[in-house]
Amino acid sequence: DTIQERPDKLNLYFSTDGGRNWRETKPSGMSGRFDAVFRRAGTSVL
């Protein structure tokens, strides 16, 4: 219903089409900043 404030409740989400579609990629509790993004042959590396 609102922004989650607890890091252990957060998931990682990503979009490849400018925010029109989203994927949930990691279970709750995954935190930490992702500072590099690479894409090759259809695979994203975070």
ModelCIF file with pLDDT and N, C-alpha, C, O atoms, coordinates in Angstrom:
data_MODEL
#
_entry.id   MODEL 
#
_entity.id                         1 
_entity.type                       polymer 
_entity.pdbx_number_of_molecules   1 
#
_entity_poly.entity_id                      1 
_entity_poly.type                           'polypeptide(L)' 
_entity_poly.nstd_linkage                   no 
_entity_poly.nstd_monomer                   no 
_entity_poly.pdbx_seq_one_letter_code       DTIQERPDKLNLYFSTDGGRNWRETKPSGMSGRFDAVFRRAGTSVL 
_entity_poly.pdbx_seq_one_letter_code_can   DTIQERPDKLNLYFSTDGGRNWRETKPSGMSGRFDAVFRRAGTSVL 
_entity_poly.pdbx_strand_id                 A 
#
loop_
_entity_poly_seq.entity_id 
_entity_poly_seq.num 
_entity_poly_seq.mon_id 
_entity_poly_seq.hetero 
1 1  ASP n 
1 2  THR n 
1 3  ILE n 
1 4  GLN n 
1 5  GLU n 
1 6  ARG n 
1 7  PRO n 
1 8  ASP n 
1 9  LYS n 
1 10 LEU n 
1 11 ASN n 
1 12 LEU n 
1 13 TYR n 
1 14 PHE n 
1 15 SER n 
1 16 THR n 
1 17 ASP n 
1 18 GLY n 
1 19 GLY n 
1 20 ARG n 
1 21 ASN n 
1 22 TRP n 
1 23 ARG n 
1 24 GLU n 
1 25 THR n 
1 26 LYS n 
1 27 PRO n 
1 28 SER n 
1 29 GLY n 
1 30 MET n 
1 31 SER n 
1 32 GLY n 
1 33 ARG n 
1 34 PHE n 
1 35 ASP n 
1 36 ALA n 
1 37 VAL n 
1 38 PHE n 
1 39 ARG n 
1 40 ARG n 
1 41 ALA n 
1 42 GLY n 
1 43 THR n 
1 44 SER n 
1 45 VAL n 
1 46 LEU n 
#
_struct_asym.id          A 
_struct_asym.entity_id   1 
#
loop_
_ma_qa_metric.id 
_ma_qa_metric.mode 
_ma_qa_metric.name 
_ma_qa_metric.software_group_id 
_ma_qa_metric.type 
1 global pLDDT . pLDDT 
2 local  pLDDT . pLDDT 
#
_ma_qa_metric_global.metric_id      1 
_ma_qa_metric_global.metric_value   70.76 
_ma_qa_metric_global.model_id       1 
_ma_qa_metric_global.ordinal_id     1 
#
loop_
_ma_qa_metric_local.label_asym_id 
_ma_qa_metric_local.label_comp_id 
_ma_qa_metric_local.label_seq_id 
_ma_qa_metric_local.metric_id 
_ma_qa_metric_local.metric_value 
_ma_qa_metric_local.model_id 
_ma_qa_metric_local.ordinal_id 
A ASP 1  2 90.00 1 1  
A THR 2  2 90.00 1 2  
A ILE 3  2 88.00 1 3  
A GLN 4  2 88.00 1 4  
A GLU 5  2 86.00 1 5  
A ARG 6  2 86.00 1 6  
A PRO 7  2 81.00 1 7  
A ASP 8  2 82.00 1 8  
A LYS 9  2 86.00 1 9  
A LEU 10 2 87.00 1 10 
A ASN 11 2 87.00 1 11 
A LEU 12 2 87.00 1 12 
A TYR 13 2 90.00 1 13 
A PHE 14 2 88.00 1 14 
A SER 15 2 92.00 1 15 
A THR 16 2 89.00 1 16 
A ASP 17 2 93.00 1 17 
A GLY 18 2 95.00 1 18 
A GLY 19 2 96.00 1 19 
A ARG 20 2 96.00 1 20 
A ASN 21 2 94.00 1 21 
A TRP 22 2 94.00 1 22 
A ARG 23 2 90.00 1 23 
A GLU 24 2 88.00 1 24 
A THR 25 2 78.00 1 25 
A LYS 26 2 60.00 1 26 
A PRO 27 2 50.00 1 27 
A SER 28 2 45.00 1 28 
A GLY 29 2 44.00 1 29 
A MET 30 2 45.00 1 30 
A SER 31 2 46.00 1 31 
A GLY 32 2 46.00 1 32 
A ARG 33 2 47.00 1 33 
A PHE 34 2 49.00 1 34 
A ASP 35 2 43.00 1 35 
A ALA 36 2 45.00 1 36 
A VAL 37 2 49.00 1 37 
A PHE 38 2 49.00 1 38 
A ARG 39 2 52.00 1 39 
A ARG 40 2 50.00 1 40 
A ALA 41 2 48.00 1 41 
A GLY 42 2 50.00 1 42 
A THR 43 2 51.00 1 43 
A SER 44 2 55.00 1 44 
A VAL 45 2 54.00 1 45 
A LEU 46 2 56.00 1 46 
#
loop_
_atom_site.group_PDB 
_atom_site.id 
_atom_site.type_symbol 
_atom_site.label_atom_id 
_atom_site.label_alt_id 
_atom_site.label_comp_id 
_atom_site.label_asym_id 
_atom_site.label_entity_id 
_atom_site.label_seq_id 
_atom_site.pdbx_PDB_ins_code 
_atom_site.Cartn_x 
_atom_site.Cartn_y 
_atom_site.Cartn_z 
_atom_site.occupancy 
_atom_site.B_iso_or_equiv 
_atom_site.pdbx_formal_charge 
_atom_site.auth_seq_id 
_atom_site.auth_comp_id 
_atom_site.auth_asym_id 
_atom_site.auth_atom_id 
_atom_site.pdbx_PDB_model_num 
ATOM 1   N N  . ASP A 1 1  ? 0.815  -1.209  0.000   1.00 90.00 ? 1  ASP A N  1 
ATOM 2   C CA . ASP A 1 1  ? 0.000  0.000   0.000   1.00 90.00 ? 1  ASP A CA 1 
ATOM 3   C C  . ASP A 1 1  ? 0.848  1.258   0.000   1.00 90.00 ? 1  ASP A C  1 
ATOM 4   O O  . ASP A 1 1  ? 0.353  2.341   -0.309  1.00 90.00 ? 1  ASP A O  1 
ATOM 5   N N  . THR A 1 2  ? 2.141  1.123   0.348   1.00 90.00 ? 2  THR A N  1 
ATOM 6   C CA . THR A 1 2  ? 3.029  2.270   0.414   1.00 90.00 ? 2  THR A CA 1 
ATOM 7   C C  . THR A 1 2  ? 4.472  1.794   0.268   1.00 90.00 ? 2  THR A C  1 
ATOM 8   O O  . THR A 1 2  ? 4.723  0.591   0.197   1.00 90.00 ? 2  THR A O  1 
ATOM 9   N N  . ILE A 1 3  ? 5.409  2.715   0.222   1.00 88.00 ? 3  ILE A N  1 
ATOM 10  C CA . ILE A 1 3  ? 6.819  2.354   0.125   1.00 88.00 ? 3  ILE A CA 1 
ATOM 11  C C  . ILE A 1 3  ? 7.254  1.573   1.363   1.00 88.00 ? 3  ILE A C  1 
ATOM 12  O O  . ILE A 1 3  ? 6.958  1.967   2.491   1.00 88.00 ? 3  ILE A O  1 
ATOM 13  N N  . GLN A 1 4  ? 7.949  0.477   1.146   1.00 88.00 ? 4  GLN A N  1 
ATOM 14  C CA . GLN A 1 4  ? 8.425  -0.356  2.248   1.00 88.00 ? 4  GLN A CA 1 
ATOM 15  C C  . GLN A 1 4  ? 9.685  0.269   2.854   1.00 88.00 ? 4  GLN A C  1 
ATOM 16  O O  . GLN A 1 4  ? 10.629 0.597   2.136   1.00 88.00 ? 4  GLN A O  1 
ATOM 17  N N  . GLU A 1 5  ? 9.689  0.430   4.170   1.00 86.00 ? 5  GLU A N  1 
ATOM 18  C CA . GLU A 1 5  ? 10.789 1.115   4.839   1.00 86.00 ? 5  GLU A CA 1 
ATOM 19  C C  . GLU A 1 5  ? 11.809 0.160   5.456   1.00 86.00 ? 5  GLU A C  1 
ATOM 20  O O  . GLU A 1 5  ? 12.876 0.605   5.882   1.00 86.00 ? 5  GLU A O  1 
ATOM 21  N N  . ARG A 1 6  ? 11.513 -1.131  5.515   1.00 86.00 ? 6  ARG A N  1 
ATOM 22  C CA . ARG A 1 6  ? 12.433 -2.090  6.129   1.00 86.00 ? 6  ARG A CA 1 
ATOM 23  C C  . ARG A 1 6  ? 13.225 -2.818  5.046   1.00 86.00 ? 6  ARG A C  1 
ATOM 24  O O  . ARG A 1 6  ? 12.631 -3.418  4.149   1.00 86.00 ? 6  ARG A O  1 
ATOM 25  N N  . PRO A 1 7  ? 14.567 -2.774  5.115   1.00 81.00 ? 7  PRO A N  1 
ATOM 26  C CA . PRO A 1 7  ? 15.382 -3.411  4.074   1.00 81.00 ? 7  PRO A CA 1 
ATOM 27  C C  . PRO A 1 7  ? 15.193 -4.909  3.966   1.00 81.00 ? 7  PRO A C  1 
ATOM 28  O O  . PRO A 1 7  ? 15.383 -5.467  2.886   1.00 81.00 ? 7  PRO A O  1 
ATOM 29  N N  . ASP A 1 8  ? 14.822 -5.585  5.053   1.00 82.00 ? 8  ASP A N  1 
ATOM 30  C CA . ASP A 1 8  ? 14.624 -7.025  4.979   1.00 82.00 ? 8  ASP A CA 1 
ATOM 31  C C  . ASP A 1 8  ? 13.327 -7.396  4.268   1.00 82.00 ? 8  ASP A C  1 
ATOM 32  O O  . ASP A 1 8  ? 13.061 -8.575  4.034   1.00 82.00 ? 8  ASP A O  1 
ATOM 33  N N  . LYS A 1 9  ? 12.526 -6.401  3.927   1.00 86.00 ? 9  LYS A N  1 
ATOM 34  C CA . LYS A 1 9  ? 11.281 -6.636  3.203   1.00 86.00 ? 9  LYS A CA 1 
ATOM 35  C C  . LYS A 1 9  ? 11.386 -6.223  1.732   1.00 86.00 ? 9  LYS A C  1 
ATOM 36  O O  . LYS A 1 9  ? 10.423 -6.353  0.976   1.00 86.00 ? 9  LYS A O  1 
ATOM 37  N N  . LEU A 1 10 ? 12.560 -5.726  1.334   1.00 87.00 ? 10 LEU A N  1 
ATOM 38  C CA . LEU A 1 10 ? 12.717 -5.238  -0.026  1.00 87.00 ? 10 LEU A CA 1 
ATOM 39  C C  . LEU A 1 10 ? 13.094 -6.356  -0.996  1.00 87.00 ? 10 LEU A C  1 
ATOM 40  O O  . LEU A 1 10 ? 13.765 -7.319  -0.627  1.00 87.00 ? 10 LEU A O  1 
ATOM 41  N N  . ASN A 1 11 ? 12.654 -6.211  -2.227  1.00 87.00 ? 11 ASN A N  1 
ATOM 42  C CA . ASN A 1 11 ? 13.060 -7.081  -3.324  1.00 87.00 ? 11 ASN A CA 1 
ATOM 43  C C  . ASN A 1 11 ? 13.793 -6.253  -4.367  1.00 87.00 ? 11 ASN A C  1 
ATOM 44  O O  . ASN A 1 11 ? 13.740 -5.023  -4.337  1.00 87.00 ? 11 ASN A O  1 
ATOM 45  N N  . LEU A 1 12 ? 14.470 -6.915  -5.279  1.00 87.00 ? 12 LEU A N  1 
ATOM 46  C CA . LEU A 1 12 ? 15.140 -6.247  -6.383  1.00 87.00 ? 12 LEU A CA 1 
ATOM 47  C C  . LEU A 1 12 ? 14.268 -6.371  -7.627  1.00 87.00 ? 12 LEU A C  1 
ATOM 48  O O  . LEU A 1 12 ? 13.832 -7.466  -7.984  1.00 87.00 ? 12 LEU A O  1 
ATOM 49  N N  . TYR A 1 13 ? 14.017 -5.241  -8.284  1.00 90.00 ? 13 TYR A N  1 
ATOM 50  C CA . TYR A 1 13 ? 13.181 -5.222  -9.483  1.00 90.00 ? 13 TYR A CA 1 
ATOM 51  C C  . TYR A 1 13 ? 13.962 -4.618  -10.637 1.00 90.00 ? 13 TYR A C  1 
ATOM 52  O O  . TYR A 1 13 ? 14.795 -3.733  -10.440 1.00 90.00 ? 13 TYR A O  1 
ATOM 53  N N  . PHE A 1 14 ? 13.687 -5.104  -11.849 1.00 88.00 ? 14 PHE A N  1 
ATOM 54  C CA . PHE A 1 14 ? 14.336 -4.488  -12.993 1.00 88.00 ? 14 PHE A CA 1 
ATOM 55  C C  . PHE A 1 14 ? 13.400 -4.485  -14.193 1.00 88.00 ? 14 PHE A C  1 
ATOM 56  O O  . PHE A 1 14 ? 12.524 -5.337  -14.335 1.00 88.00 ? 14 PHE A O  1 
ATOM 57  N N  . SER A 1 15 ? 13.620 -3.490  -15.054 1.00 92.00 ? 15 SER A N  1 
ATOM 58  C CA . SER A 1 15 ? 12.859 -3.343  -16.289 1.00 92.00 ? 15 SER A CA 1 
ATOM 59  C C  . SER A 1 15 ? 13.846 -3.170  -17.430 1.00 92.00 ? 15 SER A C  1 
ATOM 60  O O  . SER A 1 15 ? 14.876 -2.516  -17.270 1.00 92.00 ? 15 SER A O  1 
ATOM 61  N N  . THR A 1 16 ? 13.539 -3.750  -18.575 1.00 89.00 ? 16 THR A N  1 
ATOM 62  C CA . THR A 1 16 ? 14.388 -3.599  -19.756 1.00 89.00 ? 16 THR A CA 1 
ATOM 63  C C  . THR A 1 16 ? 13.715 -2.747  -20.834 1.00 89.00 ? 16 THR A C  1 
ATOM 64  O O  . THR A 1 16 ? 14.297 -2.521  -21.895 1.00 89.00 ? 16 THR A O  1 
ATOM 65  N N  . ASP A 1 17 ? 12.493 -2.272  -20.569 1.00 93.00 ? 17 ASP A N  1 
ATOM 66  C CA . ASP A 1 17 ? 11.750 -1.504  -21.571 1.00 93.00 ? 17 ASP A CA 1 
ATOM 67  C C  . ASP A 1 17 ? 11.286 -0.156  -21.032 1.00 93.00 ? 17 ASP A C  1 
ATOM 68  O O  . ASP A 1 17 ? 10.193 0.312   -21.351 1.00 93.00 ? 17 ASP A O  1 
ATOM 69  N N  . GLY A 1 18 ? 12.127 0.456   -20.216 1.00 95.00 ? 18 GLY A N  1 
ATOM 70  C CA . GLY A 1 18 ? 11.824 1.797   -19.731 1.00 95.00 ? 18 GLY A CA 1 
ATOM 71  C C  . GLY A 1 18 ? 10.716 1.878   -18.714 1.00 95.00 ? 18 GLY A C  1 
ATOM 72  O O  . GLY A 1 18 ? 10.052 2.910   -18.611 1.00 95.00 ? 18 GLY A O  1 
ATOM 73  N N  . GLY A 1 19 ? 10.495 0.820   -17.958 1.00 96.00 ? 19 GLY A N  1 
ATOM 74  C CA . GLY A 1 19 ? 9.519  0.851   -16.886 1.00 96.00 ? 19 GLY A CA 1 
ATOM 75  C C  . GLY A 1 19 ? 8.120  0.420   -17.259 1.00 96.00 ? 19 GLY A C  1 
ATOM 76  O O  . GLY A 1 19 ? 7.199  0.560   -16.454 1.00 96.00 ? 19 GLY A O  1 
ATOM 77  N N  . ARG A 1 20 ? 7.936  -0.102  -18.460 1.00 96.00 ? 20 ARG A N  1 
ATOM 78  C CA . ARG A 1 20 ? 6.605  -0.578  -18.845 1.00 96.00 ? 20 ARG A CA 1 
ATOM 79  C C  . ARG A 1 20 ? 6.315  -1.957  -18.256 1.00 96.00 ? 20 ARG A C  1 
ATOM 80  O O  . ARG A 1 20 ? 5.171  -2.267  -17.924 1.00 96.00 ? 20 ARG A O  1 
ATOM 81  N N  . ASN A 1 21 ? 7.342  -2.775  -18.130 1.00 94.00 ? 21 ASN A N  1 
ATOM 82  C CA . ASN A 1 21 ? 7.198  -4.100  -17.524 1.00 94.00 ? 21 ASN A CA 1 
ATOM 83  C C  . ASN A 1 21 ? 8.317  -4.296  -16.510 1.00 94.00 ? 21 ASN A C  1 
ATOM 84  O O  . ASN A 1 21 ? 9.431  -3.803  -16.688 1.00 94.00 ? 21 ASN A O  1 
ATOM 85  N N  . TRP A 1 22 ? 8.001  -5.027  -15.444 1.00 94.00 ? 22 TRP A N  1 
ATOM 86  C CA . TRP A 1 22 ? 8.956  -5.213  -14.349 1.00 94.00 ? 22 TRP A CA 1 
ATOM 87  C C  . TRP A 1 22 ? 9.069  -6.688  -13.994 1.00 94.00 ? 22 TRP A C  1 
ATOM 88  O O  . TRP A 1 22 ? 8.123  -7.462  -14.135 1.00 94.00 ? 22 TRP A O  1 
ATOM 89  N N  . ARG A 1 23 ? 10.280 -7.053  -13.519 1.00 90.00 ? 23 ARG A N  1 
ATOM 90  C CA . ARG A 1 23 ? 10.521 -8.401  -13.023 1.00 90.00 ? 23 ARG A CA 1 
ATOM 91  C C  . ARG A 1 23 ? 11.084 -8.344  -11.609 1.00 90.00 ? 23 ARG A C  1 
ATOM 92  O O  . ARG A 1 23 ? 11.925 -7.503  -11.290 1.00 90.00 ? 23 ARG A O  1 
ATOM 93  N N  . GLU A 1 24 ? 10.608 -9.247  -10.779 1.00 88.00 ? 24 GLU A N  1 
ATOM 94  C CA . GLU A 1 24 ? 11.123 -9.392  -9.421  1.00 88.00 ? 24 GLU A CA 1 
ATOM 95  C C  . GLU A 1 24 ? 12.188 -10.477 -9.461  1.00 88.00 ? 24 GLU A C  1 
ATOM 96  O O  . GLU A 1 24 ? 11.903 -11.632 -9.779  1.00 88.00 ? 24 GLU A O  1 
ATOM 97  N N  . THR A 1 25 ? 13.435 -10.088 -9.132  1.00 78.00 ? 25 THR A N  1 
ATOM 98  C CA . THR A 1 25 ? 14.543 -11.000 -9.409  1.00 78.00 ? 25 THR A CA 1 
ATOM 99  C C  . THR A 1 25 ? 15.184 -11.620 -8.183  1.00 78.00 ? 25 THR A C  1 
ATOM 100 O O  . THR A 1 25 ? 15.874 -12.631 -8.306  1.00 78.00 ? 25 THR A O  1 
ATOM 101 N N  . LYS A 1 26 ? 14.981 -11.053 -7.011  1.00 60.00 ? 26 LYS A N  1 
ATOM 102 C CA . LYS A 1 26 ? 15.611 -11.606 -5.815  1.00 60.00 ? 26 LYS A CA 1 
ATOM 103 C C  . LYS A 1 26 ? 14.587 -11.654 -4.705  1.00 60.00 ? 26 LYS A C  1 
ATOM 104 O O  . LYS A 1 26 ? 13.684 -10.818 -4.678  1.00 60.00 ? 26 LYS A O  1 
ATOM 105 N N  . PRO A 1 27 ? 14.694 -12.620 -3.769  1.00 50.00 ? 27 PRO A N  1 
ATOM 106 C CA . PRO A 1 27 ? 13.763 -12.693 -2.649  1.00 50.00 ? 27 PRO A CA 1 
ATOM 107 C C  . PRO A 1 27 ? 13.973 -11.563 -1.660  1.00 50.00 ? 27 PRO A C  1 
ATOM 108 O O  . PRO A 1 27 ? 14.990 -10.869 -1.699  1.00 50.00 ? 27 PRO A O  1 
ATOM 109 N N  . SER A 1 28 ? 12.997 -11.381 -0.767  1.00 45.00 ? 28 SER A N  1 
ATOM 110 C CA . SER A 1 28 ? 13.100 -10.352 0.259   1.00 45.00 ? 28 SER A CA 1 
ATOM 111 C C  . SER A 1 28 ? 14.371 -10.524 1.066   1.00 45.00 ? 28 SER A C  1 
ATOM 112 O O  . SER A 1 28 ? 14.835 -11.641 1.293   1.00 45.00 ? 28 SER A O  1 
ATOM 113 N N  . GLY A 1 29 ? 14.933 -9.391  1.500   1.00 44.00 ? 29 GLY A N  1 
ATOM 114 C CA . GLY A 1 29 ? 16.143 -9.428  2.303   1.00 44.00 ? 29 GLY A CA 1 
ATOM 115 C C  . GLY A 1 29 ? 17.393 -9.152  1.498   1.00 44.00 ? 29 GLY A C  1 
ATOM 116 O O  . GLY A 1 29 ? 18.463 -8.953  2.074   1.00 44.00 ? 29 GLY A O  1 
ATOM 117 N N  . MET A 1 30 ? 17.285 -9.134  0.155   1.00 45.00 ? 30 MET A N  1 
ATOM 118 C CA . MET A 1 30 ? 18.436 -8.821  -0.674  1.00 45.00 ? 30 MET A CA 1 
ATOM 119 C C  . MET A 1 30 ? 18.616 -7.314  -0.721  1.00 45.00 ? 30 MET A C  1 
ATOM 120 O O  . MET A 1 30 ? 17.795 -6.613  -1.312  1.00 45.00 ? 30 MET A O  1 
ATOM 121 N N  . SER A 1 31 ? 19.647 -6.819  -0.124  1.00 46.00 ? 31 SER A N  1 
ATOM 122 C CA . SER A 1 31 ? 19.905 -5.385  -0.133  1.00 46.00 ? 31 SER A CA 1 
ATOM 123 C C  . SER A 1 31 ? 21.323 -5.135  -0.619  1.00 46.00 ? 31 SER A C  1 
ATOM 124 O O  . SER A 1 31 ? 22.079 -6.073  -0.874  1.00 46.00 ? 31 SER A O  1 
ATOM 125 N N  . GLY A 1 32 ? 21.673 -3.874  -0.744  1.00 46.00 ? 32 GLY A N  1 
ATOM 126 C CA . GLY A 1 32 ? 22.979 -3.519  -1.273  1.00 46.00 ? 32 GLY A CA 1 
ATOM 127 C C  . GLY A 1 32 ? 22.846 -2.851  -2.618  1.00 46.00 ? 32 GLY A C  1 
ATOM 128 O O  . GLY A 1 32 ? 21.995 -3.242  -3.417  1.00 46.00 ? 32 GLY A O  1 
ATOM 129 N N  . ARG A 1 33 ? 23.640 -1.882  -2.882  1.00 47.00 ? 33 ARG A N  1 
ATOM 130 C CA . ARG A 1 33 ? 23.525 -1.119  -4.115  1.00 47.00 ? 33 ARG A CA 1 
ATOM 131 C C  . ARG A 1 33 ? 24.193 -1.841  -5.272  1.00 47.00 ? 33 ARG A C  1 
ATOM 132 O O  . ARG A 1 33 ? 25.243 -2.464  -5.111  1.00 47.00 ? 33 ARG A O  1 
ATOM 133 N N  . PHE A 1 34 ? 23.567 -1.747  -6.445  1.00 49.00 ? 34 PHE A N  1 
ATOM 134 C CA . PHE A 1 34 ? 24.126 -2.323  -7.658  1.00 49.00 ? 34 PHE A CA 1 
ATOM 135 C C  . PHE A 1 34 ? 24.708 -1.196  -8.488  1.00 49.00 ? 34 PHE A C  1 
ATOM 136 O O  . PHE A 1 34 ? 23.978 -0.345  -8.994  1.00 49.00 ? 34 PHE A O  1 
ATOM 137 N N  . ASP A 1 35 ? 26.030 -1.194  -8.626  1.00 43.00 ? 35 ASP A N  1 
ATOM 138 C CA . ASP A 1 35 ? 26.713 -0.072  -9.242  1.00 43.00 ? 35 ASP A CA 1 
ATOM 139 C C  . ASP A 1 35 ? 27.180 -0.332  -10.667 1.00 43.00 ? 35 ASP A C  1 
ATOM 140 O O  . ASP A 1 35 ? 27.750 0.563   -11.291 1.00 43.00 ? 35 ASP A O  1 
ATOM 141 N N  . ALA A 1 36 ? 26.962 -1.497  -11.187 1.00 45.00 ? 36 ALA A N  1 
ATOM 142 C CA . ALA A 1 36 ? 27.377 -1.763  -12.556 1.00 45.00 ? 36 ALA A CA 1 
ATOM 143 C C  . ALA A 1 36 ? 26.337 -2.642  -13.238 1.00 45.00 ? 36 ALA A C  1 
ATOM 144 O O  . ALA A 1 36 ? 25.814 -3.587  -12.647 1.00 45.00 ? 36 ALA A O  1 
ATOM 145 N N  . VAL A 1 37 ? 26.056 -2.317  -14.464 1.00 49.00 ? 37 VAL A N  1 
ATOM 146 C CA . VAL A 1 37 ? 25.090 -3.088  -15.243 1.00 49.00 ? 37 VAL A CA 1 
ATOM 147 C C  . VAL A 1 37 ? 25.700 -3.375  -16.607 1.00 49.00 ? 37 VAL A C  1 
ATOM 148 O O  . VAL A 1 37 ? 26.177 -2.469  -17.291 1.00 49.00 ? 37 VAL A O  1 
ATOM 149 N N  . PHE A 1 38 ? 25.678 -4.629  -16.988 1.00 49.00 ? 38 PHE A N  1 
ATOM 150 C CA . PHE A 1 38 ? 26.208 -5.016  -18.295 1.00 49.00 ? 38 PHE A CA 1 
ATOM 151 C C  . PHE A 1 38 ? 25.176 -5.900  -18.982 1.00 49.00 ? 38 PHE A C  1 
ATOM 152 O O  . PHE A 1 38 ? 24.426 -6.623  -18.327 1.00 49.00 ? 38 PHE A O  1 
ATOM 153 N N  . ARG A 1 39 ? 25.149 -5.834  -20.293 1.00 52.00 ? 39 ARG A N  1 
ATOM 154 C CA . ARG A 1 39 ? 24.234 -6.696  -21.043 1.00 52.00 ? 39 ARG A CA 1 
ATOM 155 C C  . ARG A 1 39 ? 24.953 -7.275  -22.248 1.00 52.00 ? 39 ARG A C  1 
ATOM 156 O O  . ARG A 1 39 ? 25.567 -6.551  -23.032 1.00 52.00 ? 39 ARG A O  1 
ATOM 157 N N  . ARG A 1 40 ? 24.869 -8.587  -22.383 1.00 50.00 ? 40 ARG A N  1 
ATOM 158 C CA . ARG A 1 40 ? 25.487 -9.245  -23.529 1.00 50.00 ? 40 ARG A CA 1 
ATOM 159 C C  . ARG A 1 40 ? 24.725 -10.537 -23.811 1.00 50.00 ? 40 ARG A C  1 
ATOM 160 O O  . ARG A 1 40 ? 24.485 -11.343 -22.912 1.00 50.00 ? 40 ARG A O  1 
ATOM 161 N N  . ALA A 1 41 ? 24.357 -10.715 -25.059 1.00 48.00 ? 41 ALA A N  1 
ATOM 162 C CA . ALA A 1 41 ? 23.671 -11.939 -25.509 1.00 48.00 ? 41 ALA A CA 1 
ATOM 163 C C  . ALA A 1 41 ? 22.420 -12.219 -24.688 1.00 48.00 ? 41 ALA A C  1 
ATOM 164 O O  . ALA A 1 41 ? 22.150 -13.368 -24.338 1.00 48.00 ? 41 ALA A O  1 
ATOM 165 N N  . GLY A 1 42 ? 21.653 -11.171 -24.378 1.00 50.00 ? 42 GLY A N  1 
ATOM 166 C CA . GLY A 1 42 ? 20.398 -11.352 -23.663 1.00 50.00 ? 42 GLY A CA 1 
ATOM 167 C C  . GLY A 1 42 ? 20.526 -11.576 -22.180 1.00 50.00 ? 42 GLY A C  1 
ATOM 168 O O  . GLY A 1 42 ? 19.532 -11.877 -21.519 1.00 50.00 ? 42 GLY A O  1 
ATOM 169 N N  . THR A 1 43 ? 21.722 -11.438 -21.633 1.00 51.00 ? 43 THR A N  1 
ATOM 170 C CA . THR A 1 43 ? 21.932 -11.644 -20.200 1.00 51.00 ? 43 THR A CA 1 
ATOM 171 C C  . THR A 1 43 ? 22.372 -10.338 -19.546 1.00 51.00 ? 43 THR A C  1 
ATOM 172 O O  . THR A 1 43 ? 23.282 -9.664  -20.028 1.00 51.00 ? 43 THR A O  1 
ATOM 173 N N  . SER A 1 44 ? 21.710 -9.992  -18.439 1.00 55.00 ? 44 SER A N  1 
ATOM 174 C CA . SER A 1 44 ? 22.092 -8.817  -17.669 1.00 55.00 ? 44 SER A CA 1 
ATOM 175 C C  . SER A 1 44 ? 22.965 -9.249  -16.506 1.00 55.00 ? 44 SER A C  1 
ATOM 176 O O  . SER A 1 44 ? 22.659 -10.226 -15.823 1.00 55.00 ? 44 SER A O  1 
ATOM 177 N N  . VAL A 1 45 ? 24.040 -8.532  -16.281 1.00 54.00 ? 45 VAL A N  1 
ATOM 178 C CA . VAL A 1 45 ? 24.946 -8.825  -15.177 1.00 54.00 ? 45 VAL A CA 1 
ATOM 179 C C  . VAL A 1 45 ? 24.910 -7.651  -14.212 1.00 54.00 ? 45 VAL A C  1 
ATOM 180 O O  . VAL A 1 45 ? 25.223 -6.523  -14.593 1.00 54.00 ? 45 VAL A O  1 
ATOM 181 N N  . LEU A 1 46 ? 24.531 -7.907  -12.971 1.00 56.00 ? 46 LEU A N  1 
ATOM 182 C CA . LEU A 1 46 ? 24.460 -6.880  -11.955 1.00 56.00 ? 46 LEU A CA 1 
ATOM 183 C C  . LEU A 1 46 ? 25.582 -7.092  -10.951 1.00 56.00 ? 46 LEU A C  1 
ATOM 184 O O  . LEU A 1 46 ? 25.709 -6.326  -9.996  1.00 56.00 ? 46 LEU A O  1 
#
